[in-house]
Amino acid sequence: MGSNGLSYTLHGDYYLSDLVVNEEEPTYGKYGMLRKQFLKEHRSARYQYLFMTGELTAHLNRVDQEAREQVEILVKQMVGKQGVTEQLKMQDLMKWGGIMNNIKACVEEIVLKEIIYL
């Protein structure tokens, strides 16, 4: 065991560290993946810090959860403000679908700006 706490094994003429690679790929949702990509591309020091301290997966899962909760809340609020009802859905499914798609697009843009891309 070296002075840094790592153990080494002789491979030919070289000692290589016996690092254990965690084979399990961390999982996180859509917003966690977007956050990871943003950090890698625009906040590389923060990304490296989170990665090296083992906090990256927990951070991405927290961000993903927060974003999903915010999407749900904002969609409900906008649906209420715009008067989108189940009655409209039954009467004119195309109109209802168009309104819902617009609401979801607006909400997603808000969440990306306020949570993911910071």
C-alpha atoms as a PDB file:
ATOM      1  CA  MET A   1       0.000   0.000   0.000  1.00  0.00           C
ATOM      2  CA  GLY A   2       1.421   3.339  -1.046  1.00  0.00           C
ATOM      3  CA  SER A   3       1.574   6.474   1.091  1.00  0.00           C
ATOM      4  CA  ASN A   4      -1.524   7.768  -0.728  1.00  0.00           C
ATOM      5  CA  GLY A   5      -3.664   4.852   0.473  1.00  0.00           C
ATOM      6  CA  LEU A   6      -3.708   3.076  -2.882  1.00  0.00           C
ATOM      7  CA  SER A   7      -2.352  -0.400  -3.463  1.00  0.00           C
ATOM      8  CA  TYR A   8      -0.247  -1.307  -6.468  1.00  0.00           C
ATOM      9  CA  THR A   9       0.506  -4.507  -8.384  1.00  0.00           C
ATOM     10  CA  LEU A  10       3.590  -5.188 -10.487  1.00  0.00           C
ATOM     11  CA  HIS A  11       2.683  -5.631 -14.172  1.00  0.00           C
ATOM     12  CA  GLY A  12       5.855  -6.414 -16.093  1.00  0.00           C
ATOM     13  CA  ASP A  13       8.279  -3.592 -15.278  1.00  0.00           C
ATOM     14  CA  TYR A  14       5.634  -1.191 -13.918  1.00  0.00           C
ATOM     15  CA  TYR A  15       3.550  -0.896 -10.802  1.00  0.00           C
ATOM     16  CA  LEU A  16      -0.065  -0.005 -11.615  1.00  0.00           C
ATOM     17  CA  SER A  17      -2.635   1.108  -9.061  1.00  0.00           C
ATOM     18  CA  ASP A  18      -5.343  -1.352  -8.100  1.00  0.00           C
ATOM     19  CA  LEU A  19      -8.215   1.044  -8.685  1.00  0.00           C
ATOM     20  CA  VAL A  20     -11.623  -0.544  -8.590  1.00  0.00           C
ATOM     21  CA  VAL A  21     -13.898   0.690 -11.315  1.00  0.00           C
ATOM     22  CA  ASN A  22     -17.545   0.806 -10.427  1.00  0.00           C
ATOM     23  CA  GLU A  23     -19.098  -1.160 -13.284  1.00  0.00           C
ATOM     24  CA  GLU A  24     -22.615   0.001 -12.476  1.00  0.00           C
ATOM     25  CA  GLU A  25     -23.548   2.887 -14.746  1.00  0.00           C
ATOM     26  CA  PRO A  26     -25.305   5.618 -12.766  1.00  0.00           C
ATOM     27  CA  THR A  27     -28.811   6.428 -13.878  1.00  0.00           C
ATOM     28  CA  TYR A  28     -30.649   9.721 -13.925  1.00  0.00           C
ATOM     29  CA  GLY A  29     -33.493  11.114 -15.940  1.00  0.00           C
ATOM     30  CA  LYS A  30     -33.719  13.447 -18.896  1.00  0.00           C
ATOM     31  CA  TYR A  31     -32.987  16.599 -16.913  1.00  0.00           C
ATOM     32  CA  GLY A  32     -30.062  14.970 -15.130  1.00  0.00           C
ATOM     33  CA  MET A  33     -28.548  14.048 -18.492  1.00  0.00           C
ATOM     34  CA  LEU A  34     -29.058  17.587 -19.788  1.00  0.00           C
ATOM     35  CA  ARG A  35     -27.422  18.981 -16.647  1.00  0.00           C
ATOM     36  CA  LYS A  36     -24.463  16.621 -17.038  1.00  0.00           C
ATOM     37  CA  GLN A  37     -23.952  17.698 -20.647  1.00  0.00           C
ATOM     38  CA  PHE A  38     -24.201  21.379 -19.658  1.00  0.00           C
ATOM     39  CA  LEU A  39     -21.689  20.972 -16.826  1.00  0.00           C
ATOM     40  CA  LYS A  40     -19.230  19.129 -19.072  1.00  0.00           C
ATOM     41  CA  GLU A  41     -19.427  21.766 -21.799  1.00  0.00           C
ATOM     42  CA  HIS A  42     -19.831  25.008 -19.846  1.00  0.00           C
ATOM     43  CA  ARG A  43     -18.850  24.387 -16.213  1.00  0.00           C
ATOM     44  CA  SER A  44     -16.001  21.916 -16.573  1.00  0.00           C
ATOM     45  CA  ALA A  45     -14.350  22.790 -13.244  1.00  0.00           C
ATOM     46  CA  ARG A  46     -17.629  22.202 -11.396  1.00  0.00           C
ATOM     47  CA  TYR A  47     -18.167  18.964 -13.326  1.00  0.00           C
ATOM     48  CA  GLN A  48     -14.662  17.732 -12.470  1.00  0.00           C
ATOM     49  CA  TYR A  49     -15.108  18.626  -8.800  1.00  0.00           C
ATOM     50  CA  LEU A  50     -18.435  16.776  -8.562  1.00  0.00           C
ATOM     51  CA  PHE A  51     -16.991  13.796 -10.432  1.00  0.00           C
ATOM     52  CA  MET A  52     -13.793  13.576  -8.372  1.00  0.00           C
ATOM     53  CA  THR A  53     -15.632  13.905  -5.043  1.00  0.00           C
ATOM     54  CA  GLY A  54     -18.146  11.218  -6.018  1.00  0.00           C
ATOM     55  CA  GLU A  55     -21.040  13.675  -5.785  1.00  0.00           C
ATOM     56  CA  LEU A  56     -21.897  13.884  -9.498  1.00  0.00           C
ATOM     57  CA  THR A  57     -24.618  11.217  -9.626  1.00  0.00           C
ATOM     58  CA  ALA A  58     -26.341  12.542  -6.490  1.00  0.00           C
ATOM     59  CA  HIS A  59     -26.194  16.087  -7.901  1.00  0.00           C
ATOM     60  CA  LEU A  60     -27.648  15.001 -11.251  1.00  0.00           C
ATOM     61  CA  ASN A  61     -30.432  13.049  -9.565  1.00  0.00           C
ATOM     62  CA  ARG A  62     -31.279  16.031  -7.335  1.00  0.00           C
ATOM     63  CA  VAL A  63     -31.397  18.364 -10.333  1.00  0.00           C
ATOM     64  CA  ASP A  64     -33.508  15.866 -12.287  1.00  0.00           C
ATOM     65  CA  GLN A  65     -35.987  15.488  -9.424  1.00  0.00           C
ATOM     66  CA  GLU A  66     -36.230  19.239  -8.877  1.00  0.00           C
ATOM     67  CA  ALA A  67     -36.762  19.882 -12.594  1.00  0.00           C
ATOM     68  CA  ARG A  68     -39.458  17.208 -12.913  1.00  0.00           C
ATOM     69  CA  GLU A  69     -41.307  18.566  -9.875  1.00  0.00           C
ATOM     70  CA  GLN A  70     -41.102  22.112 -11.247  1.00  0.00           C
ATOM     71  CA  VAL A  71     -42.422  20.970 -14.647  1.00  0.00           C
ATOM     72  CA  GLU A  72     -45.387  19.301 -12.983  1.00  0.00           C
ATOM     73  CA  ILE A  73     -46.205  22.378 -10.882  1.00  0.00           C
ATOM     74  CA  LEU A  74     -45.866  24.837 -13.782  1.00  0.00           C
ATOM     75  CA  VAL A  75     -47.931  22.704 -16.174  1.00  0.00           C
ATOM     76  CA  LYS A  76     -50.763  22.548 -13.606  1.00  0.00           C
ATOM     77  CA  GLN A  77     -50.594  26.312 -13.073  1.00  0.00           C
ATOM     78  CA  MET A  78     -50.605  27.126 -16.791  1.00  0.00           C
ATOM     79  CA  VAL A  79     -53.393  24.645 -17.533  1.00  0.00           C
ATOM     80  CA  GLY A  80     -55.484  26.341 -14.858  1.00  0.00           C
ATOM     81  CA  LYS A  81     -54.719  29.864 -16.083  1.00  0.00           C
ATOM     82  CA  GLN A  82     -55.503  28.995 -19.694  1.00  0.00           C
ATOM     83  CA  GLY A  83     -58.729  27.211 -18.794  1.00  0.00           C
ATOM     84  CA  VAL A  84     -57.726  23.885 -20.340  1.00  0.00           C
ATOM     85  CA  THR A  85     -60.294  21.371 -19.162  1.00  0.00           C
ATOM     86  CA  GLU A  86     -61.231  17.747 -19.634  1.00  0.00           C
ATOM     87  CA  GLN A  87     -64.347  19.055 -21.375  1.00  0.00           C
ATOM     88  CA  LEU A  88     -62.181  20.746 -24.007  1.00  0.00           C
ATOM     89  CA  LYS A  89     -60.245  17.503 -24.389  1.00  0.00           C
ATOM     90  CA  MET A  90     -63.470  15.601 -25.105  1.00  0.00           C
ATOM     91  CA  GLN A  91     -64.872  18.287 -27.418  1.00  0.00           C
ATOM     92  CA  ASP A  92     -61.765  19.111 -29.461  1.00  0.00           C
ATOM     93  CA  LEU A  93     -58.859  16.770 -28.902  1.00  0.00           C
ATOM     94  CA  MET A  94     -56.679  18.462 -31.544  1.00  0.00           C
ATOM     95  CA  LYS A  95     -57.086  21.891 -29.964  1.00  0.00           C
ATOM     96  CA  TRP A  96     -56.481  20.476 -26.489  1.00  0.00           C
ATOM     97  CA  GLY A  97     -53.353  18.663 -27.707  1.00  0.00           C
ATOM     98  CA  GLY A  98     -51.998  21.809 -29.351  1.00  0.00           C
ATOM     99  CA  ILE A  99     -52.519  23.878 -26.214  1.00  0.00           C
ATOM    100  CA  MET A 100     -50.941  21.191 -24.017  1.00  0.00           C
ATOM    101  CA  ASN A 101     -47.920  20.918 -26.324  1.00  0.00           C
ATOM    102  CA  ASN A 102     -47.442  24.697 -26.179  1.00  0.00           C
ATOM    103  CA  ILE A 103     -47.709  24.682 -22.391  1.00  0.00           C
ATOM    104  CA  LYS A 104     -45.201  21.848 -22.057  1.00  0.00           C
ATOM    105  CA  ALA A 105     -42.758  23.588 -24.423  1.00  0.00           C
ATOM    106  CA  CYS A 106     -42.983  26.848 -22.455  1.00  0.00           C
ATOM    107  CA  VAL A 107     -42.577  25.068 -19.133  1.00  0.00           C
ATOM    108  CA  GLU A 108     -39.594  23.094 -20.375  1.00  0.00           C
ATOM    109  CA  GLU A 109     -37.892  26.293 -21.552  1.00  0.00           C
ATOM    110  CA  ILE A 110     -38.420  27.881 -18.132  1.00  0.00           C
ATOM    111  CA  VAL A 111     -37.060  24.838 -16.293  1.00  0.00           C
ATOM    112  CA  LEU A 112     -34.025  24.566 -18.558  1.00  0.00           C
ATOM    113  CA  LYS A 113     -33.139  28.241 -17.989  1.00  0.00           C
ATOM    114  CA  GLU A 114     -33.828  28.298 -14.240  1.00  0.00           C
ATOM    115  CA  ILE A 115     -32.582  24.885 -13.123  1.00  0.00           C
ATOM    116  CA  ILE A 116     -30.484  23.077 -15.715  1.00  0.00           C
ATOM    117  CA  TYR A 117     -28.426  25.809 -17.377  1.00  0.00           C
ATOM    118  CA  LEU A 118     -27.060  27.588 -14.301  1.00  0.00           C
END
